[in-house]
Amino acid sequence: MPKRLTNKKKWKADLLILNDDEVDEDDRPIIAYKFKRVVFYNSLGITSTEKYQSRQDKREVVKRIKISMDRSITETRNRIKILDVVYQITRIFWNEDDHEMELSLAHVD
């Protein structure tokens, strides 16, 4: 009987979370993202429809990845860091049957 692979994710990325607990000397919040954990992902292609829709929102999607499902990941509080490049999550698609989620990523302004 052949060996069954349980995880087919090839690449590693860092999941960052918003750290809004810190304040500067004038009691203004410092917007900084800190490391939360490592996520494994597979790279997906970008469709022309997604490129068109993202340009209407003034955000160009440059990468799509597929990761294991994690309900704590949101578009506003999380970022993905791949090879020292930080990406903003612009869209999340849930695939309940395969227990995976797809993230559309754009460069951070």
PDB file of N, CA and C in Angstrom:
ATOM      1  N   MET A   1       0.850  -1.173   0.000  1.00  0.00           N
ATOM      2  CA  MET A   1       0.000   0.000   0.000  1.00  0.00           C
ATOM      3  C   MET A   1       0.899   1.240   0.000  1.00  0.00           C
ATOM      4  N   PRO A   2       0.636   2.207  -0.909  1.00  0.00           N
ATOM      5  CA  PRO A   2       1.479   3.408  -0.969  1.00  0.00           C
ATOM      6  C   PRO A   2       1.259   4.313   0.242  1.00  0.00           C
ATOM      7  N   LYS A   3       2.283   5.074   0.517  1.00  0.00           N
ATOM      8  CA  LYS A   3       2.229   6.012   1.635  1.00  0.00           C
ATOM      9  C   LYS A   3       1.352   7.200   1.264  1.00  0.00           C
ATOM     10  N   ARG A   4       0.474   7.595   2.150  1.00  0.00           N
ATOM     11  CA  ARG A   4      -0.443   8.694   1.899  1.00  0.00           C
ATOM     12  C   ARG A   4       0.158   9.990   2.422  1.00  0.00           C
ATOM     13  N   LEU A   5       0.173  11.013   1.553  1.00  0.00           N
ATOM     14  CA  LEU A   5       0.656  12.330   1.973  1.00  0.00           C
ATOM     15  C   LEU A   5      -0.492  13.107   2.588  1.00  0.00           C
ATOM     16  N   THR A   6      -0.269  13.626   3.768  1.00  0.00           N
ATOM     17  CA  THR A   6      -1.336  14.369   4.441  1.00  0.00           C
ATOM     18  C   THR A   6      -1.222  15.865   4.220  1.00  0.00           C
ATOM     19  N   ASN A   7      -0.025  16.342   3.933  1.00  0.00           N
ATOM     20  CA  ASN A   7       0.163  17.775   3.748  1.00  0.00           C
ATOM     21  C   ASN A   7       0.979  17.995   2.483  1.00  0.00           C
ATOM     22  N   LYS A   8       0.366  18.592   1.483  1.00  0.00           N
ATOM     23  CA  LYS A   8       1.045  18.803   0.205  1.00  0.00           C
ATOM     24  C   LYS A   8       1.521  20.238   0.031  1.00  0.00           C
ATOM     25  N   LYS A   9       1.557  20.993   1.096  1.00  0.00           N
ATOM     26  CA  LYS A   9       2.009  22.380   1.024  1.00  0.00           C
ATOM     27  C   LYS A   9       3.533  22.412   0.924  1.00  0.00           C
ATOM     28  N   LYS A  10       4.052  23.222   0.000  1.00  0.00           N
ATOM     29  CA  LYS A  10       5.482  23.205  -0.283  1.00  0.00           C
ATOM     30  C   LYS A  10       6.272  24.323   0.393  1.00  0.00           C
ATOM     31  N   TRP A  11       5.687  25.498   0.504  1.00  0.00           N
ATOM     32  CA  TRP A  11       6.450  26.682   0.871  1.00  0.00           C
ATOM     33  C   TRP A  11       6.056  27.192   2.254  1.00  0.00           C
ATOM     34  N   LYS A  12       6.965  27.985   2.851  1.00  0.00           N
ATOM     35  CA  LYS A  12       6.732  28.570   4.170  1.00  0.00           C
ATOM     36  C   LYS A  12       6.540  30.076   4.045  1.00  0.00           C
ATOM     37  N   ALA A  13       5.658  30.607   4.873  1.00  0.00           N
ATOM     38  CA  ALA A  13       5.452  32.050   4.973  1.00  0.00           C
ATOM     39  C   ALA A  13       5.214  32.379   6.438  1.00  0.00           C
ATOM     40  N   ASP A  14       5.400  33.640   6.779  1.00  0.00           N
ATOM     41  CA  ASP A  14       5.146  34.096   8.146  1.00  0.00           C
ATOM     42  C   ASP A  14       3.801  34.797   8.200  1.00  0.00           C
ATOM     43  N   LEU A  15       3.004  34.433   9.178  1.00  0.00           N
ATOM     44  CA  LEU A  15       1.736  35.106   9.418  1.00  0.00           C
ATOM     45  C   LEU A  15       1.985  36.192  10.451  1.00  0.00           C
ATOM     46  N   LEU A  16       1.651  37.428  10.105  1.00  0.00           N
ATOM     47  CA  LEU A  16       1.840  38.566  10.998  1.00  0.00           C
ATOM     48  C   LEU A  16       0.484  39.026  11.503  1.00  0.00           C
ATOM     49  N   ILE A  17       0.462  39.527  12.737  1.00  0.00           N
ATOM     50  CA  ILE A  17      -0.774  40.028  13.331  1.00  0.00           C
ATOM     51  C   ILE A  17      -0.543  41.441  13.830  1.00  0.00           C
ATOM     52  N   LEU A  18      -1.587  42.248  13.774  1.00  0.00           N
ATOM     53  CA  LEU A  18      -1.510  43.641  14.196  1.00  0.00           C
ATOM     54  C   LEU A  18      -1.267  43.723  15.694  1.00  0.00           C
ATOM     55  N   ASN A  19      -0.253  44.480  16.065  1.00  0.00           N
ATOM     56  CA  ASN A  19       0.078  44.691  17.468  1.00  0.00           C
ATOM     57  C   ASN A  19      -0.293  46.122  17.818  1.00  0.00           C
ATOM     58  N   ASP A  20      -1.511  46.313  18.318  1.00  0.00           N
ATOM     59  CA  ASP A  20      -1.981  47.659  18.624  1.00  0.00           C
ATOM     60  C   ASP A  20      -1.905  47.984  20.114  1.00  0.00           C
ATOM     61  N   ASP A  21      -1.118  47.240  20.846  1.00  0.00           N
ATOM     62  CA  ASP A  21      -0.974  47.477  22.288  1.00  0.00           C
ATOM     63  C   ASP A  21       0.055  48.554  22.604  1.00  0.00           C
ATOM     64  N   GLU A  22       0.979  48.793  21.692  1.00  0.00           N
ATOM     65  CA  GLU A  22       2.061  49.732  21.960  1.00  0.00           C
ATOM     66  C   GLU A  22       1.650  51.161  21.630  1.00  0.00           C
ATOM     67  N   VAL A  23       2.160  52.097  22.430  1.00  0.00           N
ATOM     68  CA  VAL A  23       1.927  53.525  22.196  1.00  0.00           C
ATOM     69  C   VAL A  23       3.264  54.252  22.255  1.00  0.00           C
ATOM     70  N   ASP A  24       3.335  55.393  21.584  1.00  0.00           N
ATOM     71  CA  ASP A  24       4.574  56.167  21.629  1.00  0.00           C
ATOM     72  C   ASP A  24       4.534  57.139  22.807  1.00  0.00           C
ATOM     73  N   GLU A  25       5.476  58.066  22.861  1.00  0.00           N
ATOM     74  CA  GLU A  25       5.567  58.967  24.009  1.00  0.00           C
ATOM     75  C   GLU A  25       4.402  59.948  24.103  1.00  0.00           C
ATOM     76  N   ASP A  26       3.662  60.139  22.987  1.00  0.00           N
ATOM     77  CA  ASP A  26       2.494  61.021  23.000  1.00  0.00           C
ATOM     78  C   ASP A  26       1.192  60.247  23.125  1.00  0.00           C
ATOM     79  N   ASP A  27       1.257  59.001  23.538  1.00  0.00           N
ATOM     80  CA  ASP A  27       0.098  58.114  23.723  1.00  0.00           C
ATOM     81  C   ASP A  27      -0.691  57.880  22.433  1.00  0.00           C
ATOM     82  N   ARG A  28       0.003  57.895  21.320  1.00  0.00           N
ATOM     83  CA  ARG A  28      -0.629  57.526  20.051  1.00  0.00           C
ATOM     84  C   ARG A  28      -0.304  56.066  19.763  1.00  0.00           C
ATOM     85  N   PRO A  29      -1.263  55.303  19.240  1.00  0.00           N
ATOM     86  CA  PRO A  29      -0.972  53.885  18.970  1.00  0.00           C
ATOM     87  C   PRO A  29       0.025  53.728  17.831  1.00  0.00           C
ATOM     88  N   ILE A  30       0.932  52.794  18.007  1.00  0.00           N
ATOM     89  CA  ILE A  30       1.914  52.473  16.978  1.00  0.00           C
ATOM     90  C   ILE A  30       1.379  51.287  16.191  1.00  0.00           C
ATOM     91  N   ILE A  31       1.226  51.462  14.889  1.00  0.00           N
ATOM     92  CA  ILE A  31       0.734  50.375  14.044  1.00  0.00           C
ATOM     93  C   ILE A  31       1.931  49.550  13.611  1.00  0.00           C
ATOM     94  N   ALA A  32       2.046  48.372  14.196  1.00  0.00           N
ATOM     95  CA  ALA A  32       3.150  47.467  13.891  1.00  0.00           C
ATOM     96  C   ALA A  32       2.597  46.045  13.844  1.00  0.00           C
ATOM     97  N   TYR A  33       3.195  45.244  12.995  1.00  0.00           N
ATOM     98  CA  TYR A  33       2.789  43.851  12.872  1.00  0.00           C
ATOM     99  C   TYR A  33       3.873  42.970  13.468  1.00  0.00           C
ATOM    100  N   LYS A  34       3.458  41.990  14.272  1.00  0.00           N
ATOM    101  CA  LYS A  34       4.420  41.088  14.891  1.00  0.00           C
ATOM    102  C   LYS A  34       4.168  39.660  14.397  1.00  0.00           C
ATOM    103  N   PHE A  35       5.187  38.841  14.512  1.00  0.00           N
ATOM    104  CA  PHE A  35       5.131  37.457  14.064  1.00  0.00           C
ATOM    105  C   PHE A  35       4.153  36.666  14.926  1.00  0.00           C
ATOM    106  N   LYS A  36       3.272  35.910  14.269  1.00  0.00           N
ATOM    107  CA  LYS A  36       2.342  35.054  14.994  1.00  0.00           C
ATOM    108  C   LYS A  36       2.738  33.587  14.864  1.00  0.00           C
ATOM    109  N   ARG A  37       2.895  33.099  13.613  1.00  0.00           N
ATOM    110  CA  ARG A  37       3.284  31.706  13.399  1.00  0.00           C
ATOM    111  C   ARG A  37       3.691  31.501  11.948  1.00  0.00           C
ATOM    112  N   VAL A  38       4.193  30.332  11.648  1.00  0.00           N
ATOM    113  CA  VAL A  38       4.572  29.962  10.284  1.00  0.00           C
ATOM    114  C   VAL A  38       3.389  29.257   9.632  1.00  0.00           C
ATOM    115  N   VAL A  39       3.094  29.592   8.385  1.00  0.00           N
ATOM    116  CA  VAL A  39       2.058  28.901   7.619  1.00  0.00           C
ATOM    117  C   VAL A  39       2.717  28.269   6.400  1.00  0.00           C
ATOM    118  N   PHE A  40       2.231  27.107   6.026  1.00  0.00           N
ATOM    119  CA  PHE A  40       2.686  26.432   4.821  1.00  0.00           C
ATOM    120  C   PHE A  40       1.660  26.693   3.725  1.00  0.00           C
ATOM    121  N   TYR A  41       2.133  26.929   2.500  1.00  0.00           N
ATOM    122  CA  TYR A  41       1.219  27.311   1.429  1.00  0.00           C
ATOM    123  C   TYR A  41       1.650  26.723   0.095  1.00  0.00           C
ATOM    124  N   ASN A  42       0.713  26.704  -0.842  1.00  0.00           N
ATOM    125  CA  ASN A  42       0.965  26.424  -2.252  1.00  0.00           C
ATOM    126  C   ASN A  42       0.595  27.672  -3.023  1.00  0.00           C
ATOM    127  N   SER A  43       1.354  27.949  -4.054  1.00  0.00           N
ATOM    128  CA  SER A  43       1.094  29.128  -4.865  1.00  0.00           C
ATOM    129  C   SER A  43       0.057  28.791  -5.932  1.00  0.00           C
ATOM    130  N   LEU A  44      -0.870  29.717  -6.162  1.00  0.00           N
ATOM    131  CA  LEU A  44      -1.912  29.562  -7.177  1.00  0.00           C
ATOM    132  C   LEU A  44      -1.767  30.662  -8.212  1.00  0.00           C
ATOM    133  N   GLY A  45      -2.363  30.471  -9.349  1.00  0.00           N
ATOM    134  CA  GLY A  45      -2.340  31.488 -10.384  1.00  0.00           C
ATOM    135  C   GLY A  45      -3.433  32.517 -10.174  1.00  0.00           C
ATOM    136  N   ILE A  46      -3.260  33.689 -10.783  1.00  0.00           N
ATOM    137  CA  ILE A  46      -4.244  34.765 -10.677  1.00  0.00           C
ATOM    138  C   ILE A  46      -5.081  34.760 -11.953  1.00  0.00           C
ATOM    139  N   THR A  47      -6.389  34.782 -11.802  1.00  0.00           N
ATOM    140  CA  THR A  47      -7.263  34.801 -12.964  1.00  0.00           C
ATOM    141  C   THR A  47      -7.424  36.229 -13.477  1.00  0.00           C
ATOM    142  N   SER A  48      -7.814  36.350 -14.739  1.00  0.00           N
ATOM    143  CA  SER A  48      -7.997  37.683 -15.320  1.00  0.00           C
ATOM    144  C   SER A  48      -9.181  38.401 -14.677  1.00  0.00           C
ATOM    145  N   THR A  49     -10.191  37.653 -14.267  1.00  0.00           N
ATOM    146  CA  THR A  49     -11.338  38.257 -13.592  1.00  0.00           C
ATOM    147  C   THR A  49     -10.919  38.874 -12.269  1.00  0.00           C
ATOM    148  N   GLU A  50     -10.062  38.173 -11.537  1.00  0.00           N
ATOM    149  CA  GLU A  50      -9.602  38.698 -10.252  1.00  0.00           C
ATOM    150  C   GLU A  50      -8.726  39.932 -10.446  1.00  0.00           C
ATOM    151  N   LYS A  51      -7.883  39.929 -11.465  1.00  0.00           N
ATOM    152  CA  LYS A  51      -7.075  41.121 -11.758  1.00  0.00           C
ATOM    153  C   LYS A  51      -7.972  42.315 -12.079  1.00  0.00           C
ATOM    154  N   TYR A  52      -9.014  42.087 -12.880  1.00  0.00           N
ATOM    155  CA  TYR A  52      -9.932  43.157 -13.265  1.00  0.00           C
ATOM    156  C   TYR A  52     -10.681  43.698 -12.044  1.00  0.00           C
ATOM    157  N   GLN A  53     -11.187  42.812 -11.202  1.00  0.00           N
ATOM    158  CA  GLN A  53     -11.934  43.248 -10.018  1.00  0.00           C
ATOM    159  C   GLN A  53     -11.039  43.955  -9.012  1.00  0.00           C
ATOM    160  N   SER A  54      -9.794  43.527  -8.897  1.00  0.00           N
ATOM    161  CA  SER A  54      -8.896  44.174  -7.943  1.00  0.00           C
ATOM    162  C   SER A  54      -8.498  45.568  -8.420  1.00  0.00           C
ATOM    163  N   ARG A  55      -8.404  45.773  -9.709  1.00  0.00           N
ATOM    164  CA  ARG A  55      -8.088  47.112 -10.218  1.00  0.00           C
ATOM    165  C   ARG A  55      -9.239  48.085  -9.981  1.00  0.00           C
ATOM    166  N   GLN A  56     -10.468  47.577  -9.974  1.00  0.00           N
ATOM    167  CA  GLN A  56     -11.602  48.441  -9.659  1.00  0.00           C
ATOM    168  C   GLN A  56     -11.553  48.896  -8.209  1.00  0.00           C
ATOM    169  N   ASP A  57     -10.997  48.077  -7.340  1.00  0.00           N
ATOM    170  CA  ASP A  57     -10.853  48.421  -5.919  1.00  0.00           C
ATOM    171  C   ASP A  57      -9.565  49.167  -5.631  1.00  0.00           C
ATOM    172  N   LYS A  58      -8.803  49.519  -6.675  1.00  0.00           N
ATOM    173  CA  LYS A  58      -7.537  50.248  -6.563  1.00  0.00           C
ATOM    174  C   LYS A  58      -6.465  49.440  -5.828  1.00  0.00           C
ATOM    175  N   ARG A  59      -6.559  48.098  -5.862  1.00  0.00           N
ATOM    176  CA  ARG A  59      -5.557  47.206  -5.289  1.00  0.00           C
ATOM    177  C   ARG A  59      -5.256  46.132  -6.311  1.00  0.00           C
ATOM    178  N   GLU A  60      -4.009  46.037  -6.707  1.00  0.00           N
ATOM    179  CA  GLU A  60      -3.651  45.029  -7.694  1.00  0.00           C
ATOM    180  C   GLU A  60      -3.188  43.761  -7.002  1.00  0.00           C
ATOM    181  N   VAL A  61      -3.892  42.675  -7.238  1.00  0.00           N
ATOM    182  CA  VAL A  61      -3.530  41.383  -6.668  1.00  0.00           C
ATOM    183  C   VAL A  61      -2.297  40.869  -7.399  1.00  0.00           C
ATOM    184  N   VAL A  62      -1.255  40.541  -6.647  1.00  0.00           N
ATOM    185  CA  VAL A  62      -0.005  40.089  -7.252  1.00  0.00           C
ATOM    186  C   VAL A  62       0.276  38.614  -6.963  1.00  0.00           C
ATOM    187  N   LYS A  63      -0.438  38.020  -6.007  1.00  0.00           N
ATOM    188  CA  LYS A  63      -0.161  36.632  -5.632  1.00  0.00           C
ATOM    189  C   LYS A  63      -1.404  36.022  -5.015  1.00  0.00           C
ATOM    190  N   ARG A  64      -1.603  34.732  -5.260  1.00  0.00           N
ATOM    191  CA  ARG A  64      -2.658  33.968  -4.604  1.00  0.00           C
ATOM    192  C   ARG A  64      -2.047  32.723  -4.009  1.00  0.00           C
ATOM    193  N   ILE A  65      -2.398  32.426  -2.758  1.00  0.00           N
ATOM    194  CA  ILE A  65      -1.870  31.244  -2.087  1.00  0.00           C
ATOM    195  C   ILE A  65      -3.004  30.442  -1.471  1.00  0.00           C
ATOM    196  N   LYS A  66      -2.739  29.153  -1.251  1.00  0.00           N
ATOM    197  CA  LYS A  66      -3.698  28.259  -0.616  1.00  0.00           C
ATOM    198  C   LYS A  66      -3.068  27.729   0.656  1.00  0.00           C
ATOM    199  N   ILE A  67      -3.761  27.897   1.786  1.00  0.00           N
ATOM    200  CA  ILE A  67      -3.255  27.444   3.080  1.00  0.00           C
ATOM    201  C   ILE A  67      -4.327  26.608   3.770  1.00  0.00           C
ATOM    202  N   SER A  68      -3.950  25.959   4.857  1.00  0.00           N
ATOM    203  CA  SER A  68      -4.923  25.225   5.657  1.00  0.00           C
ATOM    204  C   SER A  68      -5.870  26.209   6.334  1.00  0.00           C
ATOM    205  N   MET A  69      -7.080  25.769   6.577  1.00  0.00           N
ATOM    206  CA  MET A  69      -8.106  26.664   7.108  1.00  0.00           C
ATOM    207  C   MET A  69      -7.768  27.130   8.519  1.00  0.00           C
ATOM    208  N   ASP A  70      -7.914  28.429   8.722  1.00  0.00           N
ATOM    209  CA  ASP A  70      -7.689  29.043  10.020  1.00  0.00           C
ATOM    210  C   ASP A  70      -8.684  30.200  10.139  1.00  0.00           C
ATOM    211  N   ARG A  71      -9.664  30.044  10.977  1.00  0.00           N
ATOM    212  CA  ARG A  71     -10.728  31.047  11.102  1.00  0.00           C
ATOM    213  C   ARG A  71     -10.256  32.350  11.748  1.00  0.00           C
ATOM    214  N   SER A  72      -9.090  32.346  12.365  1.00  0.00           N
ATOM    215  CA  SER A  72      -8.618  33.560  13.037  1.00  0.00           C
ATOM    216  C   SER A  72      -7.969  34.553  12.070  1.00  0.00           C
ATOM    217  N   ILE A  73      -7.703  34.151  10.834  1.00  0.00           N
ATOM    218  CA  ILE A  73      -7.081  35.050   9.855  1.00  0.00           C
ATOM    219  C   ILE A  73      -8.139  35.963   9.259  1.00  0.00           C
ATOM    220  N   THR A  74      -7.872  37.277   9.311  1.00  0.00           N
ATOM    221  CA  THR A  74      -8.793  38.261   8.744  1.00  0.00           C
ATOM    222  C   THR A  74      -8.036  39.183   7.795  1.00  0.00           C
ATOM    223  N   GLU A  75      -8.780  39.935   7.013  1.00  0.00           N
ATOM    224  CA  GLU A  75      -8.163  40.849   6.058  1.00  0.00           C
ATOM    225  C   GLU A  75      -7.583  42.084   6.742  1.00  0.00           C
ATOM    226  N   THR A  76      -8.154  42.489   7.853  1.00  0.00           N
ATOM    227  CA  THR A  76      -7.751  43.740   8.483  1.00  0.00           C
ATOM    228  C   THR A  76      -6.634  43.576   9.513  1.00  0.00           C
ATOM    229  N   ARG A  77      -6.593  42.463  10.219  1.00  0.00           N
ATOM    230  CA  ARG A  77      -5.637  42.311  11.311  1.00  0.00           C
ATOM    231  C   ARG A  77      -4.402  41.489  10.960  1.00  0.00           C
ATOM    232  N   ASN A  78      -4.359  40.872   9.770  1.00  0.00           N
ATOM    233  CA  ASN A  78      -3.247  39.997   9.437  1.00  0.00           C
ATOM    234  C   ASN A  78      -2.548  40.418   8.153  1.00  0.00           C
ATOM    235  N   ARG A  79      -1.275  40.060   8.074  1.00  0.00           N
ATOM    236  CA  ARG A  79      -0.455  40.221   6.872  1.00  0.00           C
ATOM    237  C   ARG A  79       0.327  38.924   6.672  1.00  0.00           C
ATOM    238  N   ILE A  80       0.801  38.711   5.460  1.00  0.00           N
ATOM    239  CA  ILE A  80       1.616  37.547   5.124  1.00  0.00           C
ATOM    240  C   ILE A  80       2.980  38.044   4.678  1.00  0.00           C
ATOM    241  N   LYS A  81       4.045  37.439   5.214  1.00  0.00           N
ATOM    242  CA  LYS A  81       5.401  37.812   4.843  1.00  0.00           C
ATOM    243  C   LYS A  81       6.064  36.629   4.149  1.00  0.00           C
ATOM    244  N   ILE A  82       6.409  36.835   2.862  1.00  0.00           N
ATOM    245  CA  ILE A  82       7.059  35.806   2.059  1.00  0.00           C
ATOM    246  C   ILE A  82       8.386  36.368   1.571  1.00  0.00           C
ATOM    247  N   LEU A  83       9.486  35.736   1.964  1.00  0.00           N
ATOM    248  CA  LEU A  83      10.834  36.154   1.544  1.00  0.00           C
ATOM    249  C   LEU A  83      11.080  37.651   1.760  1.00  0.00           C
ATOM    250  N   ASP A  84      10.843  38.135   2.942  1.00  0.00           N
ATOM    251  CA  ASP A  84      11.072  39.529   3.347  1.00  0.00           C
ATOM    252  C   ASP A  84      10.182  40.529   2.614  1.00  0.00           C
ATOM    253  N   VAL A  85       9.136  40.081   1.945  1.00  0.00           N
ATOM    254  CA  VAL A  85       8.164  40.967   1.305  1.00  0.00           C
ATOM    255  C   VAL A  85       6.846  40.787   2.045  1.00  0.00           C
ATOM    256  N   VAL A  86       6.283  41.892   2.533  1.00  0.00           N
ATOM    257  CA  VAL A  86       5.043  41.839   3.292  1.00  0.00           C
ATOM    258  C   VAL A  86       3.880  42.109   2.337  1.00  0.00           C
ATOM    259  N   TYR A  87       2.874  41.242   2.397  1.00  0.00           N
ATOM    260  CA  TYR A  87       1.689  41.351   1.555  1.00  0.00           C
ATOM    261  C   TYR A  87       0.460  41.579   2.422  1.00  0.00           C
ATOM    262  N   GLN A  88      -0.477  42.337   1.877  1.00  0.00           N
ATOM    263  CA  GLN A  88      -1.761  42.558   2.534  1.00  0.00           C
ATOM    264  C   GLN A  88      -2.769  41.569   1.965  1.00  0.00           C
ATOM    265  N   ILE A  89      -3.626  41.034   2.810  1.00  0.00           N
ATOM    266  CA  ILE A  89      -4.661  40.101   2.371  1.00  0.00           C
ATOM    267  C   ILE A  89      -5.829  40.932   1.849  1.00  0.00           C
ATOM    268  N   THR A  90      -6.203  40.720   0.581  1.00  0.00           N
ATOM    269  CA  THR A  90      -7.290  41.494  -0.004  1.00  0.00           C
ATOM    270  C   THR A  90      -8.580  40.702  -0.121  1.00  0.00           C
ATOM    271  N   ARG A  91      -8.490  39.369  -0.213  1.00  0.00           N
ATOM    272  CA  ARG A  91      -9.689  38.548  -0.333  1.00  0.00           C
ATOM    273  C   ARG A  91      -9.409  37.185   0.261  1.00  0.00           C
ATOM    274  N   ILE A  92     -10.413  36.628   0.927  1.00  0.00           N
ATOM    275  CA  ILE A  92     -10.304  35.289   1.506  1.00  0.00           C
ATOM    276  C   ILE A  92     -11.436  34.444   0.947  1.00  0.00           C
ATOM    277  N   PHE A  93     -11.093  33.280   0.405  1.00  0.00           N
ATOM    278  CA  PHE A  93     -12.086  32.342  -0.100  1.00  0.00           C
ATOM    279  C   PHE A  93     -11.991  31.063   0.718  1.00  0.00           C
ATOM    280  N   TRP A  94     -13.129  30.630   1.281  1.00  0.00           N
ATOM    281  CA  TRP A  94     -13.152  29.442   2.133  1.00  0.00           C
ATOM    282  C   TRP A  94     -13.567  28.235   1.306  1.00  0.00           C
ATOM    283  N   ASN A  95     -12.795  27.151   1.388  1.00  0.00           N
ATOM    284  CA  ASN A  95     -13.149  25.884   0.770  1.00  0.00           C
ATOM    285  C   ASN A  95     -13.391  24.885   1.894  1.00  0.00           C
ATOM    286  N   GLU A  96     -14.650  24.779   2.296  1.00  0.00           N
ATOM    287  CA  GLU A  96     -15.004  23.968   3.467  1.00  0.00           C
ATOM    288  C   GLU A  96     -14.768  22.478   3.220  1.00  0.00           C
ATOM    289  N   ASP A  97     -14.982  22.011   1.997  1.00  0.00           N
ATOM    290  CA  ASP A  97     -14.874  20.579   1.720  1.00  0.00           C
ATOM    291  C   ASP A  97     -13.444  20.074   1.869  1.00  0.00           C
ATOM    292  N   ASP A  98     -12.478  20.845   1.387  1.00  0.00           N
ATOM    293  CA  ASP A  98     -11.079  20.429   1.464  1.00  0.00           C
ATOM    294  C   ASP A  98     -10.364  20.972   2.693  1.00  0.00           C
ATOM    295  N   HIS A  99     -11.063  21.723   3.513  1.00  0.00           N
ATOM    296  CA  HIS A  99     -10.511  22.325   4.734  1.00  0.00           C
ATOM    297  C   HIS A  99      -9.309  23.217   4.400  1.00  0.00           C
ATOM    298  N   GLU A 100      -9.486  24.053   3.370  1.00  0.00           N
ATOM    299  CA  GLU A 100      -8.447  24.975   2.928  1.00  0.00           C
ATOM    300  C   GLU A 100      -9.054  26.357   2.710  1.00  0.00           C
ATOM    301  N   MET A 101      -8.173  27.340   2.619  1.00  0.00           N
ATOM    302  CA  MET A 101      -8.608  28.693   2.291  1.00  0.00           C
ATOM    303  C   MET A 101      -7.621  29.310   1.314  1.00  0.00           C
ATOM    304  N   GLU A 102      -8.144  30.135   0.412  1.00  0.00           N
ATOM    305  CA  GLU A 102      -7.319  30.811  -0.573  1.00  0.00           C
ATOM    306  C   GLU A 102      -7.233  32.287  -0.206  1.00  0.00           C
ATOM    307  N   LEU A 103      -6.019  32.830  -0.249  1.00  0.00           N
ATOM    308  CA  LEU A 103      -5.797  34.224   0.079  1.00  0.00           C
ATOM    309  C   LEU A 103      -5.281  34.952  -1.147  1.00  0.00           C
ATOM    310  N   SER A 104      -5.899  36.081  -1.472  1.00  0.00           N
ATOM    311  CA  SER A 104      -5.380  36.954  -2.522  1.00  0.00           C
ATOM    312  C   SER A 104      -4.532  38.027  -1.853  1.00  0.00           C
ATOM    313  N   LEU A 105      -3.313  38.228  -2.366  1.00  0.00           N
ATOM    314  CA  LEU A 105      -2.358  39.112  -1.719  1.00  0.00           C
ATOM    315  C   LEU A 105      -1.991  40.277  -2.610  1.00  0.00           C
ATOM    316  N   ALA A 106      -1.810  41.435  -2.003  1.00  0.00           N
ATOM    317  CA  ALA A 106      -1.377  42.631  -2.703  1.00  0.00           C
ATOM    318  C   ALA A 106      -0.213  43.248  -1.913  1.00  0.00           C
ATOM    319  N   HIS A 107       0.616  44.027  -2.607  1.00  0.00           N
ATOM    320  CA  HIS A 107       1.722  44.695  -1.933  1.00  0.00           C
ATOM    321  C   HIS A 107       1.193  45.734  -0.950  1.00  0.00           C
ATOM    322  N   VAL A 108       1.916  45.929   0.122  1.00  0.00           N
ATOM    323  CA  VAL A 108       1.548  46.920   1.132  1.00  0.00           C
ATOM    324  C   VAL A 108       2.001  48.289   0.662  1.00  0.00           C
ATOM    325  N   ASP A 109       1.129  49.274   0.789  1.00  0.00           N
ATOM    326  CA  ASP A 109       1.473  50.655   0.382  1.00  0.00           C
ATOM    327  C   ASP A 109       2.449  51.283   1.333  1.00  0.00           C
TER     328      ASP A 109
END
